Amino acid sequence: MNKQKPITHFAICVNTDDSDLLTPRMIYEILPDESATKSNYLRVIDNEGEDYLYPADYFVLVDLPQAIQQALLRVSHPDPQHAPFRHRQRVPSTQPKRTKEKAS
């Protein structure tokens, strides 16, 4: 059985009812969801990195060159082995703590 790699789609947000989850003029990855499409929705990876259904009229689908698609996927799905700050330990600051001075 020959499995085909799913086609990646991207869209630009043009409308939102929650600016914490979607940002107008930002590019989003669209996941395949035939049922959602039939109901005029798109399954979108939102600002929190979760996939949810949003009205299709919030987006304009775009056809991007392959190199741009690959770059977008690299930054949206980074390789955990190459995440330089993920496993770093917090180092205490050597700077003195700032304190509020009382007004005289």
N, C-alpha and C. Protein backbone atom coordinates (compact mmCIF):
# COMPACT_ATOMS: atom_id res chain seq x y z
N MET A 1 0.84 -1.17 0.00
CA MET A 1 0.00 0.00 0.00
C MET A 1 0.89 1.24 0.00
N ASN A 2 0.67 2.15 -0.92
CA ASN A 2 1.47 3.35 -1.08
C ASN A 2 0.78 4.52 -0.38
N LYS A 3 1.34 4.93 0.78
CA LYS A 3 0.77 6.05 1.52
C LYS A 3 1.33 7.35 0.98
N GLN A 4 0.44 8.26 0.63
CA GLN A 4 0.88 9.57 0.18
C GLN A 4 0.97 10.50 1.37
N LYS A 5 1.98 11.36 1.33
CA LYS A 5 2.15 12.36 2.37
C LYS A 5 1.02 13.37 2.24
N PRO A 6 0.35 13.71 3.36
CA PRO A 6 -0.73 14.68 3.25
C PRO A 6 -0.21 16.04 2.79
N ILE A 7 -1.01 16.70 1.98
CA ILE A 7 -0.63 18.01 1.46
C ILE A 7 -0.81 19.03 2.58
N THR A 8 0.19 19.87 2.75
CA THR A 8 0.13 20.92 3.75
C THR A 8 -0.45 22.16 3.11
N HIS A 9 -1.38 22.77 3.82
CA HIS A 9 -2.00 24.00 3.34
C HIS A 9 -1.74 25.11 4.35
N PHE A 10 -1.70 26.32 3.84
CA PHE A 10 -1.53 27.48 4.70
C PHE A 10 -2.59 28.51 4.34
N ALA A 11 -2.90 29.36 5.31
CA ALA A 11 -3.89 30.41 5.08
C ALA A 11 -3.49 31.64 5.88
N ILE A 12 -3.93 32.78 5.40
CA ILE A 12 -3.71 34.03 6.11
C ILE A 12 -5.01 34.40 6.81
N CYS A 13 -4.89 34.71 8.10
CA CYS A 13 -6.06 35.12 8.88
C CYS A 13 -6.46 36.54 8.46
N VAL A 14 -7.75 36.73 8.18
CA VAL A 14 -8.26 38.05 7.80
C VAL A 14 -9.33 38.55 8.76
N ASN A 15 -9.71 37.70 9.72
CA ASN A 15 -10.76 38.06 10.67
C ASN A 15 -10.63 37.16 11.90
N THR A 16 -11.03 37.66 13.05
CA THR A 16 -11.01 36.85 14.26
C THR A 16 -11.98 37.41 15.28
N ASP A 17 -12.45 36.55 16.17
CA ASP A 17 -13.25 37.02 17.29
C ASP A 17 -12.48 36.86 18.60
N ASP A 18 -11.23 36.36 18.51
CA ASP A 18 -10.38 36.20 19.69
C ASP A 18 -8.93 36.41 19.28
N SER A 19 -8.42 37.61 19.53
CA SER A 19 -7.07 37.95 19.08
C SER A 19 -5.98 37.21 19.85
N ASP A 20 -6.32 36.52 20.94
CA ASP A 20 -5.34 35.70 21.63
C ASP A 20 -5.07 34.40 20.87
N LEU A 21 -6.08 33.93 20.14
CA LEU A 21 -5.95 32.66 19.43
C LEU A 21 -5.59 32.82 17.96
N LEU A 22 -6.06 33.89 17.33
CA LEU A 22 -5.77 34.14 15.93
C LEU A 22 -5.37 35.60 15.76
N THR A 23 -4.39 35.84 14.92
CA THR A 23 -3.91 37.20 14.68
C THR A 23 -4.11 37.54 13.21
N PRO A 24 -4.88 38.59 12.92
CA PRO A 24 -5.06 38.99 11.52
C PRO A 24 -3.71 39.25 10.84
N ARG A 25 -3.61 38.88 9.58
CA ARG A 25 -2.42 39.01 8.71
C ARG A 25 -1.34 37.97 9.03
N MET A 26 -1.60 37.04 9.93
CA MET A 26 -0.62 36.00 10.25
C MET A 26 -0.93 34.74 9.42
N ILE A 27 0.13 34.00 9.08
CA ILE A 27 -0.02 32.76 8.30
C ILE A 27 -0.21 31.60 9.27
N TYR A 28 -1.21 30.75 8.97
CA TYR A 28 -1.51 29.58 9.81
C TYR A 28 -1.48 28.31 8.98
N GLU A 29 -1.07 27.22 9.63
CA GLU A 29 -1.11 25.91 9.01
C GLU A 29 -2.53 25.37 9.10
N ILE A 30 -3.01 24.83 8.00
CA ILE A 30 -4.36 24.26 7.92
C ILE A 30 -4.22 22.74 7.83
N LEU A 31 -4.90 22.02 8.71
CA LEU A 31 -4.86 20.56 8.69
C LEU A 31 -6.05 20.03 7.89
N PRO A 32 -5.86 18.90 7.20
CA PRO A 32 -6.97 18.33 6.43
C PRO A 32 -8.09 17.87 7.35
N ASP A 33 -9.32 18.24 7.02
CA ASP A 33 -10.50 17.80 7.78
C ASP A 33 -11.71 17.96 6.86
N GLU A 34 -12.04 16.87 6.17
CA GLU A 34 -13.13 16.90 5.19
C GLU A 34 -14.46 17.27 5.83
N SER A 35 -14.73 16.75 7.00
CA SER A 35 -15.99 17.03 7.68
C SER A 35 -16.11 18.52 8.01
N ALA A 36 -15.03 19.11 8.49
CA ALA A 36 -15.04 20.55 8.81
C ALA A 36 -15.25 21.37 7.54
N THR A 37 -14.57 20.98 6.47
CA THR A 37 -14.68 21.72 5.21
C THR A 37 -16.11 21.71 4.70
N LYS A 38 -16.79 20.59 4.84
CA LYS A 38 -18.19 20.50 4.40
C LYS A 38 -19.09 21.45 5.18
N SER A 39 -18.69 21.76 6.41
CA SER A 39 -19.47 22.67 7.26
C SER A 39 -18.94 24.11 7.19
N ASN A 40 -18.06 24.38 6.23
CA ASN A 40 -17.47 25.70 6.03
C ASN A 40 -16.57 26.14 7.19
N TYR A 41 -15.82 25.17 7.72
CA TYR A 41 -14.83 25.44 8.77
C TYR A 41 -13.47 24.92 8.30
N LEU A 42 -12.43 25.40 8.93
CA LEU A 42 -11.07 24.91 8.69
C LEU A 42 -10.46 24.50 10.02
N ARG A 43 -9.67 23.43 9.98
CA ARG A 43 -8.93 23.01 11.17
C ARG A 43 -7.57 23.69 11.13
N VAL A 44 -7.36 24.59 12.09
CA VAL A 44 -6.21 25.49 12.07
C VAL A 44 -5.34 25.28 13.30
N ILE A 45 -4.02 25.33 13.13
CA ILE A 45 -3.10 25.36 14.26
C ILE A 45 -3.04 26.82 14.70
N ASP A 46 -3.61 27.12 15.86
CA ASP A 46 -3.75 28.52 16.30
C ASP A 46 -2.52 29.00 17.07
N ASN A 47 -2.62 30.19 17.66
CA ASN A 47 -1.48 30.80 18.37
C ASN A 47 -1.02 30.00 19.58
N GLU A 48 -1.87 29.14 20.11
CA GLU A 48 -1.50 28.31 21.25
C GLU A 48 -0.90 26.98 20.81
N GLY A 49 -0.80 26.77 19.49
CA GLY A 49 -0.23 25.53 18.97
C GLY A 49 -1.22 24.38 18.95
N GLU A 50 -2.48 24.66 19.18
CA GLU A 50 -3.53 23.64 19.19
C GLU A 50 -4.31 23.70 17.89
N ASP A 51 -4.86 22.56 17.46
CA ASP A 51 -5.70 22.59 16.27
C ASP A 51 -7.17 22.66 16.68
N TYR A 52 -7.85 23.67 16.15
CA TYR A 52 -9.26 23.89 16.42
C TYR A 52 -9.96 24.25 15.13
N LEU A 53 -11.27 24.15 15.14
CA LEU A 53 -12.07 24.53 13.99
C LEU A 53 -12.41 26.02 14.08
N TYR A 54 -12.20 26.71 12.97
CA TYR A 54 -12.55 28.12 12.85
C TYR A 54 -13.34 28.32 11.57
N PRO A 55 -14.20 29.34 11.53
CA PRO A 55 -14.95 29.60 10.29
C PRO A 55 -14.00 29.84 9.12
N ALA A 56 -14.30 29.25 7.99
CA ALA A 56 -13.44 29.37 6.82
C ALA A 56 -13.32 30.82 6.36
N ASP A 57 -14.35 31.63 6.61
CA ASP A 57 -14.27 33.02 6.15
C ASP A 57 -13.33 33.89 7.00
N TYR A 58 -12.72 33.31 8.02
CA TYR A 58 -11.68 34.01 8.79
C TYR A 58 -10.33 33.97 8.07
N PHE A 59 -10.24 33.20 6.98
CA PHE A 59 -8.96 32.93 6.31
C PHE A 59 -9.06 33.05 4.81
N VAL A 60 -7.90 33.33 4.21
CA VAL A 60 -7.73 33.25 2.77
C VAL A 60 -6.64 32.22 2.54
N LEU A 61 -6.97 31.15 1.83
CA LEU A 61 -5.99 30.10 1.53
C LEU A 61 -4.94 30.65 0.58
N VAL A 62 -3.68 30.29 0.82
CA VAL A 62 -2.59 30.76 -0.03
C VAL A 62 -1.77 29.58 -0.53
N ASP A 63 -1.27 29.71 -1.74
CA ASP A 63 -0.41 28.70 -2.33
C ASP A 63 1.01 29.24 -2.28
N LEU A 64 1.81 28.70 -1.37
CA LEU A 64 3.17 29.18 -1.15
C LEU A 64 4.17 28.29 -1.85
N PRO A 65 5.31 28.86 -2.27
CA PRO A 65 6.37 28.03 -2.84
C PRO A 65 6.83 26.98 -1.82
N GLN A 66 7.29 25.85 -2.32
CA GLN A 66 7.70 24.73 -1.48
C GLN A 66 8.74 25.13 -0.44
N ALA A 67 9.70 25.95 -0.82
CA ALA A 67 10.76 26.36 0.11
C ALA A 67 10.18 27.14 1.29
N ILE A 68 9.19 27.97 1.04
CA ILE A 68 8.57 28.75 2.12
C ILE A 68 7.74 27.83 3.01
N GLN A 69 7.03 26.89 2.40
CA GLN A 69 6.25 25.93 3.20
C GLN A 69 7.17 25.14 4.14
N GLN A 70 8.30 24.68 3.62
CA GLN A 70 9.23 23.91 4.45
C GLN A 70 9.79 24.76 5.58
N ALA A 71 10.10 26.02 5.30
CA ALA A 71 10.62 26.91 6.34
C ALA A 71 9.56 27.14 7.41
N LEU A 72 8.32 27.35 7.02
CA LEU A 72 7.25 27.56 7.99
C LEU A 72 7.03 26.32 8.85
N LEU A 73 7.09 25.16 8.25
CA LEU A 73 6.91 23.92 9.01
C LEU A 73 8.07 23.70 9.98
N ARG A 74 9.29 24.07 9.58
CA ARG A 74 10.43 23.92 10.49
C ARG A 74 10.27 24.78 11.73
N VAL A 75 9.80 26.01 11.57
CA VAL A 75 9.66 26.88 12.74
C VAL A 75 8.43 26.55 13.56
N SER A 76 7.42 25.95 12.94
CA SER A 76 6.22 25.63 13.70
C SER A 76 6.29 24.25 14.35
N HIS A 77 7.17 23.38 13.86
CA HIS A 77 7.36 22.04 14.42
C HIS A 77 8.85 21.79 14.61
N PRO A 78 9.49 22.53 15.52
CA PRO A 78 10.93 22.38 15.67
C PRO A 78 11.31 21.00 16.19
N ASP A 79 12.51 20.59 15.82
CA ASP A 79 13.07 19.33 16.29
C ASP A 79 13.48 19.50 17.75
N PRO A 80 12.90 18.77 18.70
CA PRO A 80 13.21 18.95 20.11
C PRO A 80 14.69 18.77 20.44
N GLN A 81 15.42 17.99 19.65
CA GLN A 81 16.84 17.79 19.91
C GLN A 81 17.63 19.06 19.61
N HIS A 82 17.06 19.95 18.80
CA HIS A 82 17.76 21.16 18.42
C HIS A 82 17.19 22.39 19.09
N ALA A 83 16.39 22.22 20.12
CA ALA A 83 15.83 23.36 20.85
C ALA A 83 16.83 23.78 21.92
N PRO A 84 17.61 24.82 21.69
CA PRO A 84 18.72 25.14 22.58
C PRO A 84 18.31 25.59 23.97
N PHE A 85 17.14 26.13 24.15
CA PHE A 85 16.78 26.68 25.44
C PHE A 85 15.82 25.79 26.23
N ARG A 86 15.35 24.75 25.64
CA ARG A 86 14.35 23.92 26.28
C ARG A 86 14.84 23.27 27.57
N HIS A 87 16.08 22.79 27.59
CA HIS A 87 16.57 22.04 28.74
C HIS A 87 17.62 22.80 29.55
N ARG A 88 17.74 24.08 29.29
CA ARG A 88 18.71 24.86 30.05
C ARG A 88 18.21 25.10 31.45
N GLN A 89 19.12 25.07 32.38
CA GLN A 89 18.76 25.36 33.76
C GLN A 89 18.79 26.86 33.98
N ARG A 90 17.95 27.32 34.84
CA ARG A 90 17.92 28.74 35.16
C ARG A 90 19.11 29.06 36.06
N VAL A 91 19.85 30.09 35.68
CA VAL A 91 21.02 30.51 36.43
C VAL A 91 20.65 31.78 37.19
N PRO A 92 20.90 31.80 38.50
CA PRO A 92 20.55 32.99 39.27
C PRO A 92 21.32 34.21 38.78
N SER A 93 20.67 35.33 38.81
CA SER A 93 21.28 36.57 38.36
C SER A 93 22.32 37.05 39.37
N THR A 94 23.39 37.62 38.87
CA THR A 94 24.41 38.19 39.76
C THR A 94 24.12 39.67 40.02
N GLN A 95 23.10 40.18 39.34
CA GLN A 95 22.71 41.58 39.53
C GLN A 95 21.92 41.71 40.83
N PRO A 96 22.11 42.82 41.59
CA PRO A 96 21.32 43.01 42.80
C PRO A 96 19.86 43.22 42.43
N LYS A 97 18.97 42.73 43.29
CA LYS A 97 17.54 42.90 43.04
C LYS A 97 17.16 44.35 43.19
N ARG A 98 16.26 44.79 42.31
CA ARG A 98 15.76 46.15 42.41
C ARG A 98 14.65 46.19 43.44
N THR A 99 14.67 47.21 44.23
CA THR A 99 13.59 47.39 45.21
C THR A 99 13.01 48.78 45.04
N LYS A 100 11.77 48.90 45.38
CA LYS A 100 11.12 50.20 45.30
C LYS A 100 11.62 51.08 46.44
N GLU A 101 12.00 52.30 46.09
CA GLU A 101 12.45 53.23 47.11
C GLU A 101 11.24 54.02 47.61
N LYS A 102 11.20 54.22 48.89
CA LYS A 102 10.10 54.99 49.47
C LYS A 102 10.33 56.46 49.18
N ALA A 103 9.27 57.13 48.78
CA ALA A 103 9.35 58.57 48.55
C ALA A 103 9.42 59.30 49.88
N SER A 104 10.28 60.33 49.98
CA SER A 104 10.42 61.07 51.23
C SER A 104 9.46 62.21 51.29
